[in-house]
């Protein structure tokens, strides 16, 4: 069954073929890519992703070893002293909000899912502080599901490559799923994120050395 774009239209064969070539090229550039967040299980990944907002993955990886050593399970974090958690994740910024979020997340996993991170999009997005992007990351990286997480890099790269004309992340995700072969979904986000960091920079895209320059018609292409 063919998927429709966010606007209800169906991509034609030419568009699908082009998207497939782009996804294949990205897989050749970044064949073994994975999230930069360090984790051992779905629980650690969902918490790490939740506290990664407005900070770097490197910074998150600095604080999570101590956090997970002290609170290794949802049950342990659900009963944590907020002040202790705040001290552990202080350097990630917005530490009070993030502390409330991950303690609430832990409690919900304990109360509603027997202490196990659910392997289902509809259930994940019902958890406190978990949006579709975080849920997609967890499903794709921890469980190997074919999901596409849309962040600012993915949105920018997809728009410049004319894989979407949308700006809303949910609509961008729908457009990508309509046009990119499902076999590429699982790692597409990470590949587009790295490509966006290395080459397709927001302010200074490296178009001269871009391996996709011939297929890109972006209006902000550099000479």
N, C-alpha and C. Protein backbone atom coordinates (compact mmCIF):
# COMPACT_ATOMS: atom_id res chain seq x y z
N UNK A 1 0.84 -1.20 0.00
CA UNK A 1 0.00 0.00 0.00
C UNK A 1 0.88 1.26 0.00
N UNK A 2 0.66 2.14 -0.96
CA UNK A 2 1.44 3.35 -1.06
C UNK A 2 1.01 4.37 -0.01
N UNK A 3 2.00 5.01 0.59
CA UNK A 3 1.73 6.04 1.58
C UNK A 3 1.53 7.39 0.89
N UNK A 4 0.72 8.22 1.51
CA UNK A 4 0.46 9.55 0.98
C UNK A 4 1.29 10.59 1.73
N UNK A 5 1.59 11.68 1.05
CA UNK A 5 2.26 12.80 1.70
C UNK A 5 1.31 13.46 2.69
N UNK A 6 1.84 14.40 3.44
CA UNK A 6 1.03 15.12 4.43
C UNK A 6 -0.12 15.89 3.78
N UNK A 7 0.08 16.31 2.52
CA UNK A 7 -0.98 17.06 1.84
C UNK A 7 -1.99 16.17 1.13
N UNK A 8 -1.84 14.86 1.30
CA UNK A 8 -2.79 13.92 0.72
C UNK A 8 -2.44 13.43 -0.66
N UNK A 9 -1.35 13.96 -1.25
CA UNK A 9 -0.96 13.54 -2.59
C UNK A 9 -0.05 12.31 -2.52
N UNK A 10 0.06 11.64 -3.65
CA UNK A 10 0.90 10.45 -3.74
C UNK A 10 2.14 10.75 -4.58
N UNK A 11 3.34 10.50 -4.07
CA UNK A 11 4.55 10.73 -4.86
C UNK A 11 4.55 9.86 -6.12
N UNK A 12 5.05 10.40 -7.21
CA UNK A 12 5.10 9.59 -8.43
C UNK A 12 6.35 8.71 -8.44
N UNK A 13 6.44 7.87 -9.42
CA UNK A 13 7.55 6.91 -9.51
C UNK A 13 8.89 7.61 -9.59
N UNK A 14 8.96 8.71 -10.33
CA UNK A 14 10.21 9.46 -10.47
C UNK A 14 10.66 10.02 -9.13
N UNK A 15 9.72 10.59 -8.37
CA UNK A 15 10.05 11.15 -7.06
C UNK A 15 10.54 10.07 -6.11
N UNK A 16 9.89 8.91 -6.13
CA UNK A 16 10.29 7.81 -5.25
C UNK A 16 11.68 7.30 -5.61
N UNK A 17 11.93 7.21 -6.90
CA UNK A 17 13.24 6.73 -7.36
C UNK A 17 14.35 7.69 -6.92
N UNK A 18 14.08 8.98 -7.06
CA UNK A 18 15.07 9.99 -6.65
C UNK A 18 15.32 9.92 -5.14
N UNK A 19 14.25 9.80 -4.36
CA UNK A 19 14.40 9.70 -2.91
C UNK A 19 15.19 8.45 -2.53
N UNK A 20 14.95 7.37 -3.26
CA UNK A 20 15.68 6.13 -3.01
C UNK A 20 17.17 6.30 -3.27
N UNK A 21 17.50 7.03 -4.34
CA UNK A 21 18.91 7.27 -4.65
C UNK A 21 19.59 8.13 -3.58
N UNK A 22 18.85 9.13 -3.10
CA UNK A 22 19.39 10.00 -2.04
C UNK A 22 19.63 9.19 -0.76
N UNK A 23 18.65 8.37 -0.38
CA UNK A 23 18.79 7.56 0.83
C UNK A 23 19.94 6.57 0.69
N UNK A 24 20.09 6.00 -0.49
CA UNK A 24 21.18 5.04 -0.74
C UNK A 24 22.53 5.75 -0.63
N UNK A 25 22.62 6.94 -1.20
CA UNK A 25 23.89 7.69 -1.14
C UNK A 25 24.24 8.04 0.30
N UNK A 26 23.25 8.44 1.08
CA UNK A 26 23.50 8.75 2.49
C UNK A 26 23.95 7.51 3.24
N UNK A 27 23.41 6.35 2.88
CA UNK A 27 23.81 5.10 3.54
C UNK A 27 25.25 4.73 3.17
N UNK A 28 25.70 5.14 1.99
CA UNK A 28 27.08 4.88 1.59
C UNK A 28 28.04 5.82 2.32
N UNK A 29 27.59 7.06 2.55
CA UNK A 29 28.42 8.04 3.25
C UNK A 29 28.54 7.69 4.73
N UNK A 30 27.42 7.26 5.32
CA UNK A 30 27.39 6.93 6.76
C UNK A 30 26.78 5.53 6.94
N UNK A 31 27.53 4.49 6.59
CA UNK A 31 26.95 3.13 6.60
C UNK A 31 26.61 2.58 7.98
N UNK A 32 27.42 2.88 8.97
CA UNK A 32 27.23 2.25 10.29
C UNK A 32 26.87 3.25 11.38
N UNK A 33 26.21 4.31 11.00
CA UNK A 33 25.92 5.37 11.96
C UNK A 33 24.87 4.96 12.99
N UNK A 34 24.98 5.52 14.17
CA UNK A 34 23.98 5.32 15.22
C UNK A 34 23.97 6.56 16.10
N UNK A 35 23.02 6.62 17.00
CA UNK A 35 22.92 7.79 17.86
C UNK A 35 24.21 7.99 18.66
N UNK A 36 24.57 9.25 18.86
CA UNK A 36 25.78 9.57 19.62
C UNK A 36 25.55 9.43 21.13
N UNK A 37 24.30 9.26 21.54
CA UNK A 37 24.01 9.09 22.96
C UNK A 37 24.44 7.70 23.42
N UNK A 38 25.10 7.64 24.55
CA UNK A 38 25.54 6.36 25.10
C UNK A 38 24.40 5.75 25.93
N UNK A 39 24.11 4.49 25.67
CA UNK A 39 23.04 3.81 26.42
C UNK A 39 23.24 2.30 26.36
N UNK A 40 22.67 1.60 27.33
CA UNK A 40 22.78 0.15 27.39
C UNK A 40 21.45 -0.54 27.13
N UNK A 41 20.35 0.20 27.25
CA UNK A 41 19.02 -0.40 27.10
C UNK A 41 18.01 0.70 26.76
N UNK A 42 16.78 0.34 26.41
CA UNK A 42 15.77 1.35 26.06
C UNK A 42 15.52 2.38 27.15
N UNK A 43 15.60 1.95 28.41
CA UNK A 43 15.38 2.87 29.53
C UNK A 43 16.43 3.98 29.53
N UNK A 44 17.68 3.61 29.38
CA UNK A 44 18.74 4.61 29.38
C UNK A 44 18.63 5.53 28.16
N UNK A 45 18.22 4.98 27.03
CA UNK A 45 18.10 5.82 25.83
C UNK A 45 16.97 6.82 25.95
N UNK A 46 15.83 6.41 26.49
CA UNK A 46 14.70 7.34 26.56
C UNK A 46 15.00 8.47 27.55
N UNK A 47 15.70 8.17 28.63
CA UNK A 47 16.08 9.22 29.58
C UNK A 47 17.13 10.14 28.97
N UNK A 48 18.12 9.56 28.33
CA UNK A 48 19.17 10.36 27.70
C UNK A 48 18.59 11.29 26.64
N UNK A 49 17.66 10.78 25.86
CA UNK A 49 17.03 11.60 24.83
C UNK A 49 16.20 12.71 25.47
N UNK A 50 15.54 12.39 26.57
CA UNK A 50 14.71 13.39 27.25
C UNK A 50 15.53 14.55 27.81
N UNK A 51 16.76 14.29 28.22
CA UNK A 51 17.57 15.36 28.80
C UNK A 51 18.53 15.98 27.77
N UNK A 52 18.42 15.54 26.52
CA UNK A 52 19.34 16.05 25.49
C UNK A 52 18.88 17.36 24.87
N UNK A 53 17.68 17.80 25.21
CA UNK A 53 17.17 19.06 24.65
C UNK A 53 18.04 20.23 25.08
N UNK A 54 18.34 21.13 24.14
CA UNK A 54 19.10 22.35 24.41
C UNK A 54 20.49 22.09 24.97
N UNK A 55 21.07 20.95 24.62
CA UNK A 55 22.45 20.68 25.00
C UNK A 55 23.04 19.71 24.00
N UNK A 56 24.31 19.38 24.16
CA UNK A 56 24.95 18.47 23.21
C UNK A 56 24.90 17.03 23.70
N UNK A 57 25.01 16.10 22.75
CA UNK A 57 25.06 14.68 23.12
C UNK A 57 26.28 14.40 23.98
N UNK A 58 27.38 15.08 23.70
CA UNK A 58 28.60 14.91 24.49
C UNK A 58 28.34 15.28 25.95
N UNK A 59 27.64 16.37 26.15
CA UNK A 59 27.33 16.81 27.51
C UNK A 59 26.42 15.82 28.22
N UNK A 60 25.44 15.29 27.49
CA UNK A 60 24.55 14.28 28.08
C UNK A 60 25.35 13.05 28.48
N UNK A 61 26.25 12.62 27.62
CA UNK A 61 27.06 11.43 27.91
C UNK A 61 27.99 11.62 29.10
N UNK A 62 28.28 12.86 29.43
CA UNK A 62 29.12 13.12 30.60
C UNK A 62 28.36 12.89 31.91
N UNK A 63 27.07 13.17 31.90
CA UNK A 63 26.30 13.10 33.16
C UNK A 63 25.57 11.78 33.35
N UNK A 64 25.25 11.08 32.27
CA UNK A 64 24.41 9.88 32.41
C UNK A 64 25.09 8.71 33.13
N UNK A 65 26.41 8.50 33.02
CA UNK A 65 26.98 7.39 33.79
C UNK A 65 26.70 7.48 35.29
N UNK A 66 26.86 8.67 35.85
CA UNK A 66 26.59 8.84 37.28
C UNK A 66 25.09 8.75 37.57
N UNK A 67 24.29 9.29 36.65
CA UNK A 67 22.83 9.23 36.83
C UNK A 67 22.33 7.80 36.85
N UNK A 68 22.79 6.98 35.89
CA UNK A 68 22.30 5.61 35.80
C UNK A 68 22.96 4.69 36.82
N UNK A 69 24.13 5.08 37.30
CA UNK A 69 24.75 4.32 38.39
C UNK A 69 23.94 4.48 39.67
N UNK A 70 23.45 5.72 39.89
CA UNK A 70 22.66 6.00 41.09
C UNK A 70 21.22 5.54 40.92
N UNK A 71 20.65 5.68 39.71
CA UNK A 71 19.25 5.31 39.46
C UNK A 71 19.18 4.42 38.22
N UNK A 72 19.51 3.15 38.35
CA UNK A 72 19.63 2.26 37.19
C UNK A 72 18.31 1.79 36.58
N UNK A 73 17.20 1.98 37.27
CA UNK A 73 15.91 1.49 36.78
C UNK A 73 14.84 2.57 36.91
N UNK A 74 13.74 2.43 36.19
CA UNK A 74 12.64 3.38 36.34
C UNK A 74 12.14 3.46 37.79
N UNK A 75 12.08 2.32 38.46
CA UNK A 75 11.61 2.30 39.84
C UNK A 75 12.52 3.14 40.74
N UNK A 76 13.82 3.04 40.52
CA UNK A 76 14.77 3.80 41.33
C UNK A 76 14.63 5.30 41.09
N UNK A 77 14.50 5.70 39.83
CA UNK A 77 14.39 7.12 39.52
C UNK A 77 13.04 7.69 39.94
N UNK A 78 12.00 6.86 39.87
CA UNK A 78 10.67 7.33 40.25
C UNK A 78 10.63 7.78 41.71
N UNK A 79 11.45 7.17 42.54
CA UNK A 79 11.47 7.52 43.96
C UNK A 79 12.63 8.42 44.36
N UNK A 80 13.27 9.03 43.38
CA UNK A 80 14.47 9.83 43.64
C UNK A 80 14.15 11.16 44.29
N UNK A 81 15.12 11.68 45.03
CA UNK A 81 15.05 13.03 45.57
C UNK A 81 15.36 13.98 44.42
N UNK A 82 14.44 14.86 44.05
CA UNK A 82 14.66 15.76 42.91
C UNK A 82 15.95 16.57 43.01
N UNK A 83 16.31 16.99 44.22
CA UNK A 83 17.53 17.80 44.37
C UNK A 83 18.77 17.00 43.99
N UNK A 84 18.76 15.72 44.29
CA UNK A 84 19.91 14.88 43.93
C UNK A 84 20.00 14.73 42.41
N UNK A 85 18.85 14.53 41.76
CA UNK A 85 18.82 14.40 40.31
C UNK A 85 19.27 15.71 39.66
N UNK A 86 18.80 16.83 40.20
CA UNK A 86 19.18 18.14 39.67
C UNK A 86 20.69 18.33 39.68
N UNK A 87 21.32 17.90 40.76
CA UNK A 87 22.77 18.03 40.86
C UNK A 87 23.48 17.18 39.82
N UNK A 88 22.92 16.01 39.55
CA UNK A 88 23.56 15.09 38.61
C UNK A 88 23.46 15.57 37.16
N UNK A 89 22.36 16.24 36.81
CA UNK A 89 22.18 16.66 35.41
C UNK A 89 22.30 18.17 35.24
N UNK A 90 22.80 18.84 36.26
CA UNK A 90 22.87 20.31 36.26
C UNK A 90 23.50 20.88 35.00
N UNK A 91 24.58 20.29 34.53
CA UNK A 91 25.34 20.87 33.41
C UNK A 91 24.61 20.76 32.07
N UNK A 92 23.50 20.03 32.01
CA UNK A 92 22.77 19.92 30.73
C UNK A 92 21.82 21.09 30.51
N UNK A 93 21.68 21.95 31.52
CA UNK A 93 20.79 23.10 31.39
C UNK A 93 19.33 22.72 31.64
N UNK A 94 18.54 23.72 32.02
CA UNK A 94 17.11 23.50 32.31
C UNK A 94 16.93 22.28 33.23
N UNK A 95 17.85 22.18 34.18
CA UNK A 95 17.93 20.96 34.99
C UNK A 95 16.70 20.73 35.87
N UNK A 96 16.03 21.79 36.31
CA UNK A 96 14.84 21.59 37.13
C UNK A 96 13.70 20.99 36.30
N UNK A 97 13.47 21.57 35.13
CA UNK A 97 12.42 21.05 34.25
C UNK A 97 12.72 19.62 33.82
N UNK A 98 13.99 19.37 33.49
CA UNK A 98 14.37 18.03 33.03
C UNK A 98 14.25 17.02 34.17
N UNK A 99 14.56 17.44 35.39
CA UNK A 99 14.42 16.55 36.54
C UNK A 99 12.97 16.15 36.75
N UNK A 100 12.08 17.14 36.70
CA UNK A 100 10.65 16.83 36.84
C UNK A 100 10.20 15.89 35.73
N UNK A 101 10.70 16.14 34.52
CA UNK A 101 10.28 15.34 33.36
C UNK A 101 10.72 13.88 33.49
N UNK A 102 11.98 13.64 33.84
CA UNK A 102 12.45 12.26 33.86
C UNK A 102 11.95 11.48 35.07
N UNK A 103 11.71 12.19 36.19
CA UNK A 103 11.11 11.50 37.34
C UNK A 103 9.66 11.13 37.01
N UNK A 104 8.94 12.05 36.37
CA UNK A 104 7.57 11.75 35.94
C UNK A 104 7.54 10.64 34.92
N UNK A 105 8.50 10.65 34.01
CA UNK A 105 8.61 9.60 33.00
C UNK A 105 8.83 8.24 33.66
N UNK A 106 9.74 8.21 34.61
CA UNK A 106 10.03 6.96 35.32
C UNK A 106 8.79 6.44 36.06
N UNK A 107 8.09 7.34 36.73
CA UNK A 107 6.89 6.93 37.47
C UNK A 107 5.83 6.36 36.54
N UNK A 108 5.66 6.98 35.38
CA UNK A 108 4.66 6.50 34.42
C UNK A 108 5.03 5.13 33.88
N UNK A 109 6.32 4.89 33.63
CA UNK A 109 6.76 3.59 33.14
C UNK A 109 6.53 2.52 34.20
N UNK A 110 6.78 2.87 35.46
CA UNK A 110 6.55 1.93 36.56
C UNK A 110 5.07 1.65 36.75
N UNK A 111 4.27 2.71 36.79
CA UNK A 111 2.85 2.57 37.09
C UNK A 111 2.05 1.95 35.95
N UNK A 112 2.42 2.29 34.72
CA UNK A 112 1.59 1.88 33.58
C UNK A 112 2.17 0.77 32.71
N UNK A 113 3.48 0.52 32.87
CA UNK A 113 4.11 -0.45 31.97
C UNK A 113 5.03 -1.44 32.70
N UNK A 114 4.75 -1.67 33.97
CA UNK A 114 5.49 -2.66 34.77
C UNK A 114 7.00 -2.44 34.73
N UNK A 115 7.40 -1.17 34.62
CA UNK A 115 8.82 -0.85 34.66
C UNK A 115 9.57 -1.08 33.36
N UNK A 116 8.85 -1.35 32.28
CA UNK A 116 9.48 -1.59 30.98
C UNK A 116 9.09 -0.50 29.99
N UNK A 117 10.07 0.02 29.25
CA UNK A 117 9.78 1.02 28.22
C UNK A 117 8.93 0.36 27.13
N UNK A 118 7.74 0.90 26.85
CA UNK A 118 6.87 0.27 25.85
C UNK A 118 7.46 0.34 24.45
N UNK A 119 7.24 -0.71 23.68
CA UNK A 119 7.76 -0.81 22.32
C UNK A 119 6.65 -0.46 21.33
N UNK A 120 6.03 0.70 21.55
CA UNK A 120 4.87 1.08 20.76
C UNK A 120 4.76 2.61 20.72
N UNK A 121 4.61 3.16 19.53
CA UNK A 121 4.57 4.61 19.36
C UNK A 121 3.42 5.24 20.15
N UNK A 122 2.22 4.68 20.02
CA UNK A 122 1.06 5.27 20.69
C UNK A 122 1.24 5.30 22.20
N UNK A 123 1.87 4.29 22.76
CA UNK A 123 2.09 4.26 24.21
C UNK A 123 3.24 5.17 24.62
N UNK A 124 4.27 5.23 23.81
CA UNK A 124 5.42 6.07 24.14
C UNK A 124 5.06 7.55 24.20
N UNK A 125 4.29 8.02 23.24
CA UNK A 125 3.97 9.46 23.21
C UNK A 125 3.01 9.87 24.32
N UNK A 126 2.44 8.91 25.03
CA UNK A 126 1.59 9.22 26.17
C UNK A 126 2.41 9.42 27.45
N UNK A 127 3.69 9.04 27.39
CA UNK A 127 4.55 9.20 28.56
C UNK A 127 4.92 10.67 28.76
N UNK A 128 5.04 11.14 30.00
CA UNK A 128 5.40 12.54 30.26
C UNK A 128 6.71 12.93 29.59
N UNK A 129 6.71 14.02 28.87
CA UNK A 129 7.92 14.54 28.27
C UNK A 129 8.40 13.82 27.02
N UNK A 130 7.62 12.86 26.54
CA UNK A 130 8.02 12.10 25.35
C UNK A 130 7.17 12.52 24.16
N UNK A 131 7.80 13.19 23.21
CA UNK A 131 7.13 13.56 21.98
C UNK A 131 7.41 12.54 20.90
N UNK A 132 6.92 12.78 19.72
CA UNK A 132 7.07 11.83 18.63
C UNK A 132 8.54 11.65 18.23
N UNK A 133 9.31 12.72 18.30
CA UNK A 133 10.72 12.63 17.95
C UNK A 133 11.45 11.68 18.90
N UNK A 134 11.28 11.87 20.21
CA UNK A 134 11.93 11.00 21.19
C UNK A 134 11.46 9.56 21.02
N UNK A 135 10.16 9.38 20.83
CA UNK A 135 9.62 8.03 20.65
C UNK A 135 10.21 7.37 19.41
N UNK A 136 10.37 8.13 18.34
CA UNK A 136 10.94 7.58 17.11
C UNK A 136 12.38 7.16 17.31
N UNK A 137 13.15 7.98 18.04
CA UNK A 137 14.55 7.64 18.32
C UNK A 137 14.62 6.33 19.09
N UNK A 138 13.81 6.20 20.12
CA UNK A 138 13.82 4.99 20.95
C UNK A 138 13.42 3.76 20.14
N UNK A 139 12.37 3.89 19.35
CA UNK A 139 11.90 2.75 18.55
C UNK A 139 12.92 2.34 17.50
N UNK A 140 13.53 3.33 16.84
CA UNK A 140 14.49 3.03 15.78
C UNK A 140 15.81 2.50 16.34
N UNK A 141 16.34 3.17 17.37
CA UNK A 141 17.67 2.83 17.87
C UNK A 141 17.67 1.66 18.86
N UNK A 142 16.75 1.68 19.81
CA UNK A 142 16.75 0.64 20.85
C UNK A 142 16.02 -0.63 20.44
N UNK A 143 14.98 -0.47 19.60
CA UNK A 143 14.18 -1.63 19.22
C UNK A 143 14.32 -2.03 17.75
N UNK A 144 15.00 -1.21 16.95
CA UNK A 144 15.20 -1.55 15.55
C UNK A 144 13.99 -1.40 14.67
N UNK A 145 13.01 -0.60 15.09
CA UNK A 145 11.80 -0.39 14.30
C UNK A 145 12.06 0.61 13.17
N UNK A 146 11.35 0.49 12.06
CA UNK A 146 11.49 1.46 10.96
C UNK A 146 10.76 2.76 11.28
N UNK A 147 11.44 3.68 11.94
CA UNK A 147 10.85 4.97 12.29
C UNK A 147 11.80 6.08 11.85
N UNK A 148 11.25 7.27 11.65
CA UNK A 148 12.04 8.42 11.24
C UNK A 148 11.82 9.55 12.24
N UNK A 149 12.87 9.90 12.97
CA UNK A 149 12.80 11.00 13.93
C UNK A 149 13.18 12.30 13.22
N UNK A 150 12.36 13.31 13.35
CA UNK A 150 12.61 14.58 12.65
C UNK A 150 13.05 15.66 13.63
N UNK A 151 14.32 16.09 13.49
CA UNK A 151 14.80 17.23 14.26
C UNK A 151 15.11 18.36 13.29
N UNK A 152 15.79 19.41 13.74
CA UNK A 152 16.04 20.55 12.88
C UNK A 152 16.93 20.20 11.68
N UNK A 153 17.91 19.30 11.89
CA UNK A 153 18.78 18.90 10.79
C UNK A 153 18.00 18.13 9.73
N UNK A 154 17.21 17.16 10.18
CA UNK A 154 16.42 16.35 9.24
C UNK A 154 15.46 17.22 8.47
N UNK A 155 14.81 18.13 9.17
CA UNK A 155 13.85 19.03 8.52
C UNK A 155 14.54 19.88 7.46
N UNK A 156 15.70 20.44 7.80
CA UNK A 156 16.43 21.30 6.87
C UNK A 156 16.92 20.53 5.64
N UNK A 157 17.54 19.39 5.87
CA UNK A 157 18.07 18.59 4.76
C UNK A 157 16.95 18.10 3.85
N UNK A 158 15.87 17.63 4.44
CA UNK A 158 14.75 17.13 3.65
C UNK A 158 14.13 18.24 2.81
N UNK A 159 14.04 19.43 3.37
CA UNK A 159 13.47 20.57 2.64
C UNK A 159 14.39 20.99 1.50
N UNK A 160 15.67 21.10 1.77
CA UNK A 160 16.61 21.51 0.73
C UNK A 160 16.68 20.50 -0.41
N UNK A 161 16.54 19.23 -0.10
CA UNK A 161 16.59 18.19 -1.12
C UNK A 161 15.24 17.95 -1.78
N UNK A 162 14.25 18.78 -1.43
CA UNK A 162 12.90 18.71 -2.00
C UNK A 162 12.22 17.36 -1.77
N UNK A 163 12.53 16.78 -0.61
CA UNK A 163 11.83 15.57 -0.20
C UNK A 163 10.55 15.94 0.53
N UNK A 164 10.44 17.19 0.90
CA UNK A 164 9.24 17.71 1.55
C UNK A 164 9.17 19.21 1.31
N UNK A 165 7.96 19.75 1.40
CA UNK A 165 7.80 21.21 1.37
C UNK A 165 7.17 21.66 2.68
N UNK A 166 7.13 20.73 3.64
CA UNK A 166 6.52 21.00 4.95
C UNK A 166 7.58 21.48 5.94
N UNK A 167 7.13 22.13 7.00
CA UNK A 167 8.02 22.56 8.07
C UNK A 167 7.64 21.95 9.43
N UNK A 168 6.41 21.49 9.55
CA UNK A 168 5.98 20.83 10.78
C UNK A 168 6.62 19.44 10.84
N UNK A 169 7.31 19.09 11.95
CA UNK A 169 8.02 17.81 12.03
C UNK A 169 7.17 16.59 11.72
N UNK A 170 5.93 16.55 12.22
CA UNK A 170 5.06 15.40 11.96
C UNK A 170 4.75 15.27 10.48
N UNK A 171 4.57 16.40 9.81
CA UNK A 171 4.28 16.37 8.38
C UNK A 171 5.52 16.01 7.57
N UNK A 172 6.69 16.49 8.02
CA UNK A 172 7.94 16.12 7.36
C UNK A 172 8.13 14.61 7.46
N UNK A 173 7.88 14.05 8.65
CA UNK A 173 7.99 12.61 8.84
C UNK A 173 7.07 11.86 7.89
N UNK A 174 5.86 12.33 7.78
CA UNK A 174 4.90 11.66 6.89
C UNK A 174 5.37 11.73 5.44
N UNK A 175 5.90 12.88 5.02
CA UNK A 175 6.39 13.03 3.65
C UNK A 175 7.56 12.09 3.38
N UNK A 176 8.47 12.00 4.33
CA UNK A 176 9.64 11.13 4.15
C UNK A 176 9.22 9.67 4.07
N UNK A 177 8.25 9.28 4.89
CA UNK A 177 7.78 7.90 4.86
C UNK A 177 7.03 7.59 3.57
N UNK A 178 6.48 8.63 2.94
CA UNK A 178 5.75 8.43 1.69
C UNK A 178 6.68 8.26 0.50
N UNK A 179 7.89 8.81 0.62
CA UNK A 179 8.76 8.88 -0.56
C UNK A 179 10.04 8.06 -0.46
N UNK A 180 10.51 7.81 0.77
CA UNK A 180 11.75 7.05 0.97
C UNK A 180 11.44 5.58 1.20
N UNK A 181 12.15 4.67 0.55
CA UNK A 181 11.92 3.23 0.77
C UNK A 181 12.04 2.86 2.23
N UNK A 182 11.15 2.00 2.69
CA UNK A 182 11.08 1.64 4.10
C UNK A 182 12.37 1.01 4.61
N UNK A 183 13.11 0.37 3.73
CA UNK A 183 14.36 -0.27 4.13
C UNK A 183 15.39 0.74 4.64
N UNK A 184 15.19 2.01 4.31
CA UNK A 184 16.14 3.06 4.74
C UNK A 184 15.66 3.83 5.97
N UNK A 185 14.43 3.63 6.40
CA UNK A 185 13.87 4.46 7.47
C UNK A 185 14.68 4.39 8.76
N UNK A 186 15.08 3.18 9.15
CA UNK A 186 15.67 2.96 10.47
C UNK A 186 16.86 3.87 10.77
N UNK A 187 17.74 4.08 9.78
CA UNK A 187 18.94 4.88 10.01
C UNK A 187 18.90 6.23 9.28
N UNK A 188 17.80 6.52 8.60
CA UNK A 188 17.73 7.74 7.81
C UNK A 188 17.93 8.99 8.66
N UNK A 189 17.29 9.05 9.81
CA UNK A 189 17.40 10.24 10.67
C UNK A 189 18.85 10.51 11.06
N UNK A 190 19.54 9.48 11.56
CA UNK A 190 20.92 9.66 12.00
C UNK A 190 21.82 10.07 10.84
N UNK A 191 21.56 9.50 9.67
CA UNK A 191 22.37 9.85 8.50
C UNK A 191 22.12 11.29 8.06
N UNK A 192 20.87 11.71 8.08
CA UNK A 192 20.55 13.09 7.70
C UNK A 192 21.07 14.08 8.73
N UNK A 193 21.02 13.71 9.98
CA UNK A 193 21.54 14.58 11.04
C UNK A 193 23.04 14.79 10.86
N UNK A 194 23.78 13.70 10.65
CA UNK A 194 25.23 13.82 10.47
C UNK A 194 25.57 14.58 9.19
N UNK A 195 24.80 14.32 8.13
CA UNK A 195 25.00 15.04 6.87
C UNK A 195 24.73 16.52 7.06
N UNK A 196 23.71 16.84 7.86
CA UNK A 196 23.38 18.23 8.14
C UNK A 196 24.45 18.93 8.94
N UNK A 197 25.11 18.20 9.81
CA UNK A 197 26.19 18.77 10.61
C UNK A 197 27.48 18.92 9.79
N UNK A 198 27.78 17.92 8.99
CA UNK A 198 29.05 17.90 8.27
C UNK A 198 29.05 18.73 7.00
N UNK A 199 27.94 18.70 6.27
CA UNK A 199 27.90 19.30 4.93
C UNK A 199 26.79 20.33 4.78
N UNK A 200 25.57 19.93 5.06
CA UNK A 200 24.41 20.78 4.79
C UNK A 200 24.09 21.68 5.99
N UNK A 201 25.09 22.47 6.35
CA UNK A 201 24.98 23.37 7.50
C UNK A 201 23.89 24.41 7.27
N UNK A 202 23.24 24.84 8.34
CA UNK A 202 22.13 25.79 8.21
C UNK A 202 22.58 27.11 7.60
N UNK A 203 23.71 27.64 8.06
CA UNK A 203 24.16 28.95 7.61
C UNK A 203 25.19 28.89 6.49
N UNK A 204 26.06 27.88 6.53
CA UNK A 204 27.12 27.79 5.53
C UNK A 204 27.18 26.39 4.94
N UNK A 205 26.21 26.04 4.10
CA UNK A 205 26.24 24.71 3.49
C UNK A 205 27.48 24.53 2.61
N UNK A 206 28.11 23.38 2.72
CA UNK A 206 29.34 23.10 1.97
C UNK A 206 29.00 22.51 0.60
N UNK A 207 28.35 23.30 -0.23
CA UNK A 207 27.83 22.81 -1.49
C UNK A 207 28.92 22.37 -2.47
N UNK A 208 30.10 22.97 -2.39
CA UNK A 208 31.18 22.61 -3.30
C UNK A 208 31.62 21.17 -3.15
N UNK A 209 31.56 20.67 -1.92
CA UNK A 209 32.01 19.29 -1.66
C UNK A 209 30.85 18.34 -1.38
N UNK A 210 29.63 18.81 -1.56
CA UNK A 210 28.45 18.01 -1.23
C UNK A 210 28.29 16.86 -2.22
N UNK A 211 28.20 15.63 -1.75
CA UNK A 211 28.02 14.48 -2.64
C UNK A 211 26.63 14.43 -3.28
N UNK A 212 25.72 15.29 -2.82
CA UNK A 212 24.37 15.34 -3.38
C UNK A 212 24.13 16.63 -4.15
N UNK A 213 25.20 17.35 -4.48
CA UNK A 213 25.05 18.66 -5.11
C UNK A 213 24.32 18.60 -6.46
N UNK A 214 24.48 17.51 -7.20
CA UNK A 214 23.86 17.42 -8.52
C UNK A 214 22.36 17.20 -8.45
N UNK A 215 21.89 16.66 -7.34
CA UNK A 215 20.45 16.42 -7.22
C UNK A 215 19.75 17.49 -6.40
N UNK A 216 20.54 18.44 -5.87
CA UNK A 216 19.98 19.49 -5.00
C UNK A 216 19.71 20.77 -5.79
N UNK A 217 18.52 21.29 -5.67
CA UNK A 217 18.14 22.54 -6.33
C UNK A 217 17.77 23.63 -5.32
N UNK A 218 18.30 23.52 -4.12
CA UNK A 218 17.95 24.46 -3.07
C UNK A 218 18.26 25.89 -3.47
N UNK A 219 17.38 26.80 -3.11
CA UNK A 219 17.56 28.21 -3.46
C UNK A 219 18.70 28.86 -2.69
N UNK A 220 19.13 28.25 -1.58
CA UNK A 220 20.24 28.85 -0.82
C UNK A 220 21.55 28.10 -1.04
N UNK A 221 21.65 27.40 -2.17
CA UNK A 221 22.91 26.74 -2.52
C UNK A 221 24.01 27.78 -2.68
N UNK A 222 25.20 27.44 -2.18
CA UNK A 222 26.34 28.31 -2.36
C UNK A 222 27.05 27.97 -3.66
N UNK A 223 27.79 28.93 -4.18
CA UNK A 223 28.47 28.73 -5.48
C UNK A 223 29.54 27.66 -5.37
